[in-house]
Protein backbone atom coordinates (compact mmCIF):
# COMPACT_ATOMS: atom_id res chain seq x y z
CA MET A 1 11.72 -27.81 -17.52
CA ILE A 2 12.20 -30.58 -20.08
CA LEU A 3 12.65 -28.04 -22.88
CA ALA A 4 15.12 -25.97 -20.87
CA LEU A 5 17.26 -29.01 -20.02
CA THR A 6 17.11 -30.31 -23.59
CA GLU A 7 18.33 -26.94 -24.90
CA LYS A 8 21.33 -27.24 -22.54
CA GLY A 9 22.19 -30.65 -24.03
CA TYR A 10 20.65 -32.98 -21.44
CA GLU A 11 18.53 -35.89 -22.60
CA VAL A 12 15.63 -36.07 -20.16
CA GLY A 13 12.00 -37.05 -20.25
CA PRO A 14 9.01 -36.13 -18.08
CA LYS A 15 9.54 -38.99 -15.63
CA ARG A 16 13.18 -38.09 -15.07
CA VAL A 17 12.38 -34.41 -14.50
CA ARG A 18 9.56 -35.32 -12.07
CA GLY A 19 11.94 -37.59 -10.17
CA LEU A 20 14.63 -34.91 -9.96
CA LEU A 21 12.16 -32.31 -8.77
CA ARG A 22 10.84 -34.73 -6.14
CA ASP A 23 14.41 -35.50 -4.96
CA MET A 24 15.03 -31.76 -4.56
CA GLY A 25 11.79 -31.33 -2.62
CA LEU A 26 10.24 -29.06 -5.24
CA GLU A 27 6.55 -29.34 -6.02
CA ALA A 28 3.77 -27.33 -7.59
CA VAL A 29 1.75 -25.13 -5.28
CA TYR A 30 -1.91 -26.09 -5.41
CA PRO A 31 -4.76 -26.63 -2.96
CA ARG A 32 -4.84 -30.00 -1.28
CA PRO A 33 -8.08 -31.99 -1.06
CA ARG A 34 -10.44 -31.64 1.90
CA ILE A 35 -9.74 -28.05 2.87
CA THR A 36 -13.40 -27.41 3.68
CA ILE A 37 -14.62 -28.86 6.96
CA PRO A 38 -18.36 -29.52 6.62
CA GLY A 39 -20.68 -28.15 9.25
CA PRO A 40 -23.49 -30.08 10.92
CA ILE A 41 -26.22 -31.41 8.64
CA SER A 42 -28.88 -29.48 10.57
CA ALA A 43 -27.26 -26.17 9.60
CA ARG A 44 -27.07 -26.79 5.84
CA PHE A 45 -29.27 -24.93 3.39
CA PRO A 46 -30.15 -25.58 -0.28
CA TYR A 47 -28.33 -23.96 -3.19
CA LEU A 48 -30.60 -21.13 -4.35
CA LEU A 49 -28.68 -19.82 -7.37
CA ARG A 50 -29.37 -22.57 -9.91
CA GLY A 51 -30.88 -20.83 -12.94
CA VAL A 52 -30.91 -17.39 -11.27
CA ASP A 53 -29.74 -14.43 -13.36
CA ILE A 54 -27.62 -12.05 -11.32
CA VAL A 55 -28.68 -8.66 -12.72
CA ARG A 56 -28.06 -6.08 -9.96
CA PRO A 57 -25.71 -5.26 -7.10
CA HIS A 58 -26.47 -6.77 -3.68
CA GLN A 59 -28.65 -9.46 -5.21
CA VAL A 60 -26.11 -12.13 -4.23
CA TRP A 61 -23.06 -12.00 -2.02
CA ALA A 62 -20.59 -14.86 -1.99
CA ALA A 63 -18.29 -15.73 0.91
CA ASP A 64 -15.49 -18.24 1.12
CA ILE A 65 -12.36 -18.99 3.09
CA THR A 66 -8.97 -20.16 1.85
CA TYR A 67 -5.62 -20.87 3.37
CA ILE A 68 -2.46 -18.81 2.95
CA PRO A 69 0.77 -20.81 3.32
CA LEU A 70 3.26 -19.31 5.76
CA VAL A 71 6.79 -20.41 6.60
CA GLY A 72 5.64 -21.89 9.92
CA GLY A 73 2.00 -22.80 9.26
CA TRP A 74 -1.16 -21.26 7.80
CA ALA A 75 -3.29 -18.16 7.89
CA TYR A 76 -6.90 -18.19 6.75
CA LEU A 77 -8.31 -15.55 4.43
CA LEU A 78 -12.06 -14.95 4.22
CA ALA A 79 -13.64 -12.64 1.66
CA ILE A 80 -17.17 -11.54 0.95
CA MET A 81 -17.88 -10.23 -2.52
CA ASP A 82 -20.82 -9.02 -4.55
CA TRP A 83 -21.45 -11.41 -7.46
CA TYR A 84 -22.77 -8.76 -9.82
CA SER A 85 -19.94 -6.24 -9.50
CA ARG A 86 -17.23 -8.73 -8.39
CA TYR A 87 -16.33 -6.15 -5.73
CA VAL A 88 -14.75 -7.44 -2.51
CA LEU A 89 -16.94 -5.91 0.19
CA ALA A 90 -14.85 -7.13 3.13
CA TRP A 91 -12.04 -9.51 3.91
CA GLY A 92 -10.32 -10.77 7.02
CA LEU A 93 -7.30 -12.78 8.04
CA SER A 94 -7.09 -15.16 10.99
CA SER A 95 -4.81 -17.85 12.35
CA THR A 96 -7.86 -20.00 13.17
CA ARG A 97 -10.99 -21.06 11.34
CA ASP A 98 -14.02 -20.32 13.44
CA GLY A 99 -17.50 -18.89 13.23
CA LEU A 100 -16.69 -15.74 15.18
CA PHE A 101 -14.03 -14.78 12.63
CA ALA A 102 -16.53 -15.25 9.77
CA VAL A 103 -19.19 -13.23 11.60
CA SER A 104 -16.79 -10.31 12.13
CA VAL A 105 -16.01 -10.20 8.38
CA LEU A 106 -19.75 -10.36 7.56
CA LYS A 107 -20.44 -7.45 9.93
CA GLU A 108 -17.73 -5.44 8.17
CA ALA A 109 -19.29 -6.23 4.76
CA LEU A 110 -22.74 -5.16 5.99
CA ARG A 111 -21.27 -1.93 7.37
CA ALA A 112 -19.29 -1.20 4.19
CA ALA A 113 -22.23 -1.90 1.86
CA GLY A 114 -24.80 -0.18 4.03
CA ARG A 115 -27.26 -2.94 3.30
CA ALA A 116 -27.65 -6.72 3.17
CA PRO A 117 -27.85 -8.96 0.11
CA GLU A 118 -30.99 -10.76 -1.00
CA ILE A 119 -29.03 -14.04 -0.95
CA ALA A 120 -25.81 -14.91 0.88
CA ASN A 121 -24.08 -17.86 -0.82
CA THR A 122 -21.32 -19.93 0.81
CA ASP A 123 -19.98 -23.45 0.85
CA GLN A 124 -20.87 -25.89 3.63
CA GLY A 125 -17.83 -25.06 5.75
CA SER A 126 -18.22 -25.10 9.51
CA GLU A 127 -17.76 -21.30 9.69
CA PHE A 128 -20.83 -20.78 7.53
CA CYS A 129 -22.90 -23.44 9.30
CA ASP A 130 -22.22 -21.67 12.60
CA GLU A 131 -25.44 -20.50 14.26
CA ARG A 132 -24.05 -16.97 14.69
CA TRP A 133 -23.37 -16.64 10.93
CA ILE A 134 -26.79 -17.96 9.93
CA THR A 135 -28.60 -15.82 12.50
CA LEU A 136 -26.79 -12.65 11.36
CA VAL A 137 -27.60 -13.34 7.70
CA GLN A 138 -31.27 -14.07 8.40
CA ASP A 139 -31.68 -11.17 10.87
CA HIS A 140 -30.77 -8.81 8.01
CA GLY A 141 -33.50 -10.27 5.80
CA SER A 142 -31.18 -12.30 3.56
CA ARG A 143 -31.69 -15.87 2.45
CA VAL A 144 -28.96 -18.46 3.07
CA SER A 145 -27.70 -20.46 0.08
CA MET A 146 -25.06 -23.19 0.31
CA ASP A 147 -23.16 -24.97 -2.43
CA GLY A 148 -23.50 -28.71 -2.72
CA ARG A 149 -20.69 -30.90 -1.48
CA GLY A 150 -17.77 -30.97 -3.90
CA ARG A 151 -19.30 -28.16 -5.98
CA ALA A 152 -16.55 -25.52 -6.02
CA LEU A 153 -17.97 -24.09 -9.26
CA ASP A 154 -21.15 -23.11 -7.43
CA ASN A 155 -19.11 -20.39 -5.76
CA ARG A 156 -16.87 -19.74 -8.75
CA MET A 157 -16.64 -15.99 -8.23
CA VAL A 158 -14.75 -16.32 -4.94
CA GLU A 159 -12.80 -19.38 -6.14
CA ARG A 160 -11.50 -17.27 -9.04
CA LEU A 161 -10.64 -14.49 -6.60
CA TRP A 162 -8.55 -16.94 -4.55
CA ARG A 163 -6.64 -18.05 -7.61
CA THR A 164 -5.91 -14.45 -8.58
CA VAL A 165 -4.89 -13.35 -5.07
CA LYS A 166 -2.61 -16.33 -4.58
CA TYR A 167 -0.87 -16.28 -7.96
CA GLU A 168 -0.64 -12.50 -8.35
CA HIS A 169 0.34 -11.74 -4.77
CA VAL A 170 0.69 -14.41 -2.08
CA TYR A 171 2.96 -16.87 -3.94
CA LEU A 172 5.23 -14.01 -5.01
CA HIS A 173 6.02 -13.17 -1.37
CA ASP A 174 7.52 -15.39 1.27
CA TYR A 175 5.31 -14.44 4.20
CA GLU A 176 6.33 -15.74 7.59
CA THR A 177 3.59 -14.44 9.91
CA PRO A 178 -0.10 -13.49 9.67
CA PRO A 179 0.66 -9.78 10.34
CA GLU A 180 3.01 -9.75 7.32
CA VAL A 181 0.26 -11.26 5.16
CA GLY A 182 -2.18 -8.65 6.48
CA VAL A 183 0.12 -5.78 5.53
CA GLY A 184 0.61 -7.25 2.04
CA LEU A 185 -3.09 -7.85 1.50
CA ASN A 186 -3.91 -4.31 2.64
CA VAL A 187 -1.89 -3.18 -0.37
CA TYR A 188 -3.53 -5.77 -2.65
CA PHE A 189 -7.10 -4.99 -1.51
CA PRO A 190 -7.14 -1.17 -1.42
């Protein structure tokens, strides 16, 4: 912005441009802190992927949830992907963050893959500490792995997916309702 204004003959510096942008109500789009609500301590599991080489499909699945900004609020997007292939096995969109929503997406991933992973890795969000999620994972013979607090890089595969989805699709559209987002994401995730 500074270079563009300087080329037009205005003498501005970074502080002036920041002030003008703030006065106009313009700001960068980026995740705010504390978007993950931790679950109860009793439902947390250790991180099992430290030093593990991911060498085959269905060895590790990663799941995470992110928010999608809408004109009047938020929608929540959850995806489950295979770490080895980086393939999105299942995704879902909801206007609320709850364990039942996460379980329904996990059931879809299990159905689509036809099998369960050896390890299911998530963050410590309340959806993934929900007893229904943990029971479903363990009932299919998978081990539960959870990232440490403040360790977004532990689940870097899904974090990178969120960045790509948001910058290549979501931020380019001005979605107003969750159904609109769903239609758009159906095109994005074939």
